[in-house]
Structure formats: structure tokens, C-alpha cells
């Protein structure tokens, strides 16, 4: 069982498996996040991003705001939106 394996040993095994299958190269995608809305009716205790629709801070981005964010990302070298 996993709970019987010391953490250090488990981490070593996981690292070896990662290296064997994917190597040690880290890649990323240059993209800009455009949150079209921050509204949500769910009440997840861990989420700090969303606002309930009745909250004054709840919003939906306008097309002009979306385009401005996309252009800002483009200026910063982003390739995805």
C-alpha cells in the first residue's frame, strides 16, 4: 500500500517513472488567460476567483475588454488565448 512507503522513497520512485517516460524537460505554452466572467453559483470552499452573481464584484467582460486583453498578451509574446 502507498501509505506504507516512506515519502522519500515514493518521491524517488515517482521521479524515476517521470524521467523514464517523459524526461526532465519542462515545456510551457505562452498564453494569456482571459476570464470572460468571474461569476459562478457554486460555493466551492477553495475557490478565491469566482463571485456569486449577486456580488458587486461579479462581472462579464465586454468585447472591448476581451480584445484589449488579447492584444496585451500578443504584445507580451503570447501565442494562445
N, C-alpha and C. Protein backbone atom coordinates (compact mmCIF):
# COMPACT_ATOMS: atom_id res chain seq x y z
N UNK A 1 0.83 -1.17 0.00
CA UNK A 1 0.00 0.00 0.00
C UNK A 1 0.88 1.24 0.00
N UNK A 2 0.42 2.28 -0.66
CA UNK A 2 1.19 3.50 -0.76
C UNK A 2 1.47 4.14 0.59
N UNK A 3 0.51 4.06 1.50
CA UNK A 3 0.71 4.69 2.80
C UNK A 3 1.82 4.02 3.60
N UNK A 4 2.25 2.81 3.20
CA UNK A 4 3.31 2.10 3.90
C UNK A 4 4.69 2.45 3.36
N UNK A 5 4.76 3.17 2.24
CA UNK A 5 6.04 3.53 1.63
C UNK A 5 6.47 4.90 2.18
N UNK A 6 7.71 5.01 2.67
CA UNK A 6 8.19 6.30 3.15
C UNK A 6 8.11 7.36 2.04
N UNK A 7 7.80 8.57 2.42
CA UNK A 7 7.59 9.64 1.44
C UNK A 7 8.79 9.81 0.52
N UNK A 8 10.00 9.81 1.07
CA UNK A 8 11.20 9.99 0.25
C UNK A 8 11.31 8.90 -0.82
N UNK A 9 11.04 7.67 -0.43
CA UNK A 9 11.12 6.55 -1.39
C UNK A 9 10.05 6.70 -2.46
N UNK A 10 8.86 7.08 -2.06
CA UNK A 10 7.77 7.28 -3.02
C UNK A 10 8.11 8.38 -4.01
N UNK A 11 8.71 9.47 -3.51
CA UNK A 11 9.12 10.57 -4.39
C UNK A 11 10.21 10.13 -5.36
N UNK A 12 11.14 9.32 -4.90
CA UNK A 12 12.19 8.81 -5.78
C UNK A 12 11.61 7.93 -6.88
N UNK A 13 10.67 7.06 -6.51
CA UNK A 13 10.02 6.20 -7.50
C UNK A 13 9.24 7.02 -8.53
N UNK A 14 8.52 8.02 -8.05
CA UNK A 14 7.75 8.87 -8.95
C UNK A 14 8.66 9.63 -9.90
N UNK A 15 9.77 10.16 -9.38
CA UNK A 15 10.72 10.88 -10.22
C UNK A 15 11.33 9.98 -11.28
N UNK A 16 11.68 8.77 -10.89
CA UNK A 16 12.27 7.83 -11.84
C UNK A 16 11.27 7.49 -12.95
N UNK A 17 10.03 7.28 -12.56
CA UNK A 17 9.00 6.98 -13.56
C UNK A 17 8.81 8.16 -14.51
N UNK A 18 8.74 9.37 -13.95
CA UNK A 18 8.60 10.57 -14.77
C UNK A 18 9.76 10.68 -15.76
N UNK A 19 10.99 10.54 -15.26
CA UNK A 19 12.16 10.66 -16.12
C UNK A 19 12.17 9.61 -17.22
N UNK A 20 11.77 8.40 -16.88
CA UNK A 20 11.77 7.29 -17.83
C UNK A 20 10.75 7.54 -18.96
N UNK A 21 9.60 8.07 -18.62
CA UNK A 21 8.53 8.23 -19.60
C UNK A 21 8.52 9.59 -20.30
N UNK A 22 8.89 10.65 -19.59
CA UNK A 22 8.77 11.99 -20.17
C UNK A 22 10.06 12.79 -20.16
N UNK A 23 11.08 12.33 -19.47
CA UNK A 23 12.32 13.08 -19.39
C UNK A 23 12.21 14.21 -18.38
N UNK A 24 13.22 15.10 -18.40
CA UNK A 24 13.27 16.17 -17.42
C UNK A 24 13.06 17.55 -18.05
N UNK A 25 12.69 17.58 -19.31
CA UNK A 25 12.45 18.85 -19.99
C UNK A 25 11.09 19.40 -19.60
N UNK A 26 11.08 20.65 -19.19
CA UNK A 26 9.83 21.33 -18.83
C UNK A 26 9.44 22.23 -20.00
N UNK A 27 8.22 22.10 -20.47
CA UNK A 27 7.75 22.95 -21.56
C UNK A 27 6.55 23.75 -21.08
N UNK A 28 6.23 24.77 -21.82
CA UNK A 28 5.07 25.58 -21.47
C UNK A 28 4.52 26.22 -22.73
N UNK A 29 3.32 26.69 -22.64
CA UNK A 29 2.67 27.35 -23.75
C UNK A 29 2.49 28.82 -23.38
N UNK A 30 2.94 29.71 -24.25
CA UNK A 30 2.78 31.14 -23.98
C UNK A 30 1.35 31.52 -24.30
N UNK A 31 0.55 31.68 -23.26
CA UNK A 31 -0.84 32.02 -23.48
C UNK A 31 -1.30 33.05 -22.46
N UNK A 32 -2.33 33.76 -22.84
CA UNK A 32 -2.94 34.73 -21.94
C UNK A 32 -4.30 34.19 -21.52
N UNK A 33 -4.59 34.35 -20.23
CA UNK A 33 -5.87 33.91 -19.69
C UNK A 33 -6.84 35.08 -19.74
N UNK A 34 -7.97 34.88 -20.37
CA UNK A 34 -8.99 35.92 -20.47
C UNK A 34 -10.25 35.40 -19.77
N UNK A 35 -10.45 35.81 -18.53
CA UNK A 35 -11.62 35.34 -17.77
C UNK A 35 -12.87 36.08 -18.22
N UNK A 36 -13.61 35.51 -19.14
CA UNK A 36 -14.79 36.17 -19.69
C UNK A 36 -15.77 36.56 -18.60
N UNK A 37 -15.83 35.77 -17.56
CA UNK A 37 -16.67 36.09 -16.41
C UNK A 37 -16.03 35.53 -15.16
N UNK A 38 -16.36 36.11 -14.04
CA UNK A 38 -15.90 35.56 -12.76
C UNK A 38 -17.09 35.08 -11.93
N UNK A 39 -18.25 35.00 -12.56
CA UNK A 39 -19.46 34.60 -11.85
C UNK A 39 -19.63 33.08 -11.82
N UNK A 40 -20.13 32.61 -10.68
CA UNK A 40 -20.42 31.19 -10.53
C UNK A 40 -21.40 31.04 -9.38
N UNK A 41 -22.32 30.13 -9.52
CA UNK A 41 -23.28 29.89 -8.45
C UNK A 41 -22.83 28.80 -7.49
N UNK A 42 -21.76 28.09 -7.85
CA UNK A 42 -21.23 27.06 -6.95
C UNK A 42 -20.61 27.73 -5.73
N UNK A 43 -20.49 26.99 -4.67
CA UNK A 43 -19.91 27.54 -3.44
C UNK A 43 -18.75 26.66 -2.97
N UNK A 44 -17.79 26.46 -3.84
CA UNK A 44 -16.61 25.68 -3.51
C UNK A 44 -15.80 26.45 -2.47
N UNK A 45 -15.45 25.81 -1.39
CA UNK A 45 -14.73 26.48 -0.32
C UNK A 45 -13.31 26.88 -0.68
N UNK A 46 -12.71 26.26 -1.70
CA UNK A 46 -11.32 26.51 -2.04
C UNK A 46 -11.14 27.60 -3.09
N UNK A 47 -12.18 27.99 -3.78
CA UNK A 47 -12.05 28.91 -4.90
C UNK A 47 -12.05 30.36 -4.43
N UNK A 48 -11.04 31.10 -4.84
CA UNK A 48 -10.96 32.52 -4.49
C UNK A 48 -11.20 33.42 -5.69
N UNK A 49 -11.44 32.81 -6.85
CA UNK A 49 -11.58 33.58 -8.09
C UNK A 49 -13.02 34.03 -8.35
N UNK A 50 -13.95 33.13 -8.19
CA UNK A 50 -15.32 33.41 -8.62
C UNK A 50 -16.09 34.25 -7.62
N UNK A 51 -17.10 34.90 -8.14
CA UNK A 51 -18.02 35.70 -7.34
C UNK A 51 -19.43 35.21 -7.64
N UNK A 52 -20.28 35.23 -6.63
CA UNK A 52 -21.68 34.89 -6.84
C UNK A 52 -22.30 36.02 -7.67
N UNK A 53 -23.24 35.70 -8.55
CA UNK A 53 -23.84 36.74 -9.40
C UNK A 53 -24.39 37.94 -8.63
N UNK A 54 -24.76 37.78 -7.37
CA UNK A 54 -25.28 38.91 -6.59
C UNK A 54 -24.17 39.79 -6.01
N UNK A 55 -22.93 39.34 -6.09
CA UNK A 55 -21.80 40.10 -5.55
C UNK A 55 -21.51 41.30 -6.45
N UNK A 56 -21.30 42.48 -5.89
CA UNK A 56 -20.99 43.66 -6.72
C UNK A 56 -19.71 43.50 -7.54
N UNK A 57 -18.80 42.62 -7.11
CA UNK A 57 -17.56 42.40 -7.86
C UNK A 57 -17.73 41.41 -9.01
N UNK A 58 -18.91 40.81 -9.15
CA UNK A 58 -19.17 39.88 -10.26
C UNK A 58 -19.21 40.67 -11.56
N UNK A 59 -18.63 40.08 -12.60
CA UNK A 59 -18.61 40.81 -13.87
C UNK A 59 -18.55 39.88 -15.06
N UNK A 60 -18.89 40.42 -16.20
CA UNK A 60 -18.72 39.79 -17.50
C UNK A 60 -17.93 40.77 -18.34
N UNK A 61 -16.85 40.31 -18.96
CA UNK A 61 -16.02 41.21 -19.77
C UNK A 61 -16.78 41.64 -21.03
N UNK A 62 -16.56 42.87 -21.42
CA UNK A 62 -17.12 43.37 -22.67
C UNK A 62 -16.23 42.92 -23.82
N UNK A 63 -16.75 42.92 -25.04
CA UNK A 63 -15.89 42.58 -26.18
C UNK A 63 -14.65 43.47 -26.26
N UNK A 64 -14.78 44.73 -25.92
CA UNK A 64 -13.64 45.65 -25.94
C UNK A 64 -12.59 45.23 -24.91
N UNK A 65 -13.03 44.81 -23.73
CA UNK A 65 -12.09 44.35 -22.70
C UNK A 65 -11.39 43.07 -23.13
N UNK A 66 -12.13 42.17 -23.75
CA UNK A 66 -11.55 40.91 -24.22
C UNK A 66 -10.47 41.19 -25.27
N UNK A 67 -10.78 42.05 -26.22
CA UNK A 67 -9.82 42.39 -27.27
C UNK A 67 -8.58 43.07 -26.68
N UNK A 68 -8.77 43.94 -25.69
CA UNK A 68 -7.64 44.61 -25.05
C UNK A 68 -6.73 43.59 -24.37
N UNK A 69 -7.31 42.61 -23.68
CA UNK A 69 -6.50 41.57 -23.04
C UNK A 69 -5.76 40.73 -24.07
N UNK A 70 -6.44 40.39 -25.16
CA UNK A 70 -5.81 39.61 -26.22
C UNK A 70 -4.62 40.37 -26.81
N UNK A 71 -4.79 41.63 -27.04
CA UNK A 71 -3.70 42.45 -27.60
C UNK A 71 -2.55 42.62 -26.61
N UNK A 72 -2.89 42.74 -25.34
CA UNK A 72 -1.85 42.84 -24.32
C UNK A 72 -1.02 41.56 -24.31
N UNK A 73 -1.68 40.42 -24.37
CA UNK A 73 -0.97 39.15 -24.42
C UNK A 73 -0.11 39.03 -25.67
N UNK A 74 -0.64 39.47 -26.79
CA UNK A 74 0.12 39.43 -28.05
C UNK A 74 1.39 40.28 -27.93
N UNK A 75 1.28 41.44 -27.34
CA UNK A 75 2.46 42.30 -27.16
C UNK A 75 3.52 41.64 -26.27
N UNK A 76 3.06 40.80 -25.38
CA UNK A 76 3.98 40.11 -24.47
C UNK A 76 4.47 38.78 -25.03
N UNK A 77 4.13 38.49 -26.28
CA UNK A 77 4.64 37.29 -26.93
C UNK A 77 3.78 36.05 -26.78
N UNK A 78 2.57 36.21 -26.28
CA UNK A 78 1.68 35.05 -26.13
C UNK A 78 1.21 34.57 -27.50
N UNK A 79 1.06 33.27 -27.61
CA UNK A 79 0.65 32.65 -28.88
C UNK A 79 -0.73 32.03 -28.80
N UNK A 80 -1.29 31.95 -27.60
CA UNK A 80 -2.61 31.35 -27.41
C UNK A 80 -3.43 32.24 -26.49
N UNK A 81 -4.75 32.09 -26.63
CA UNK A 81 -5.67 32.85 -25.80
C UNK A 81 -6.61 31.88 -25.11
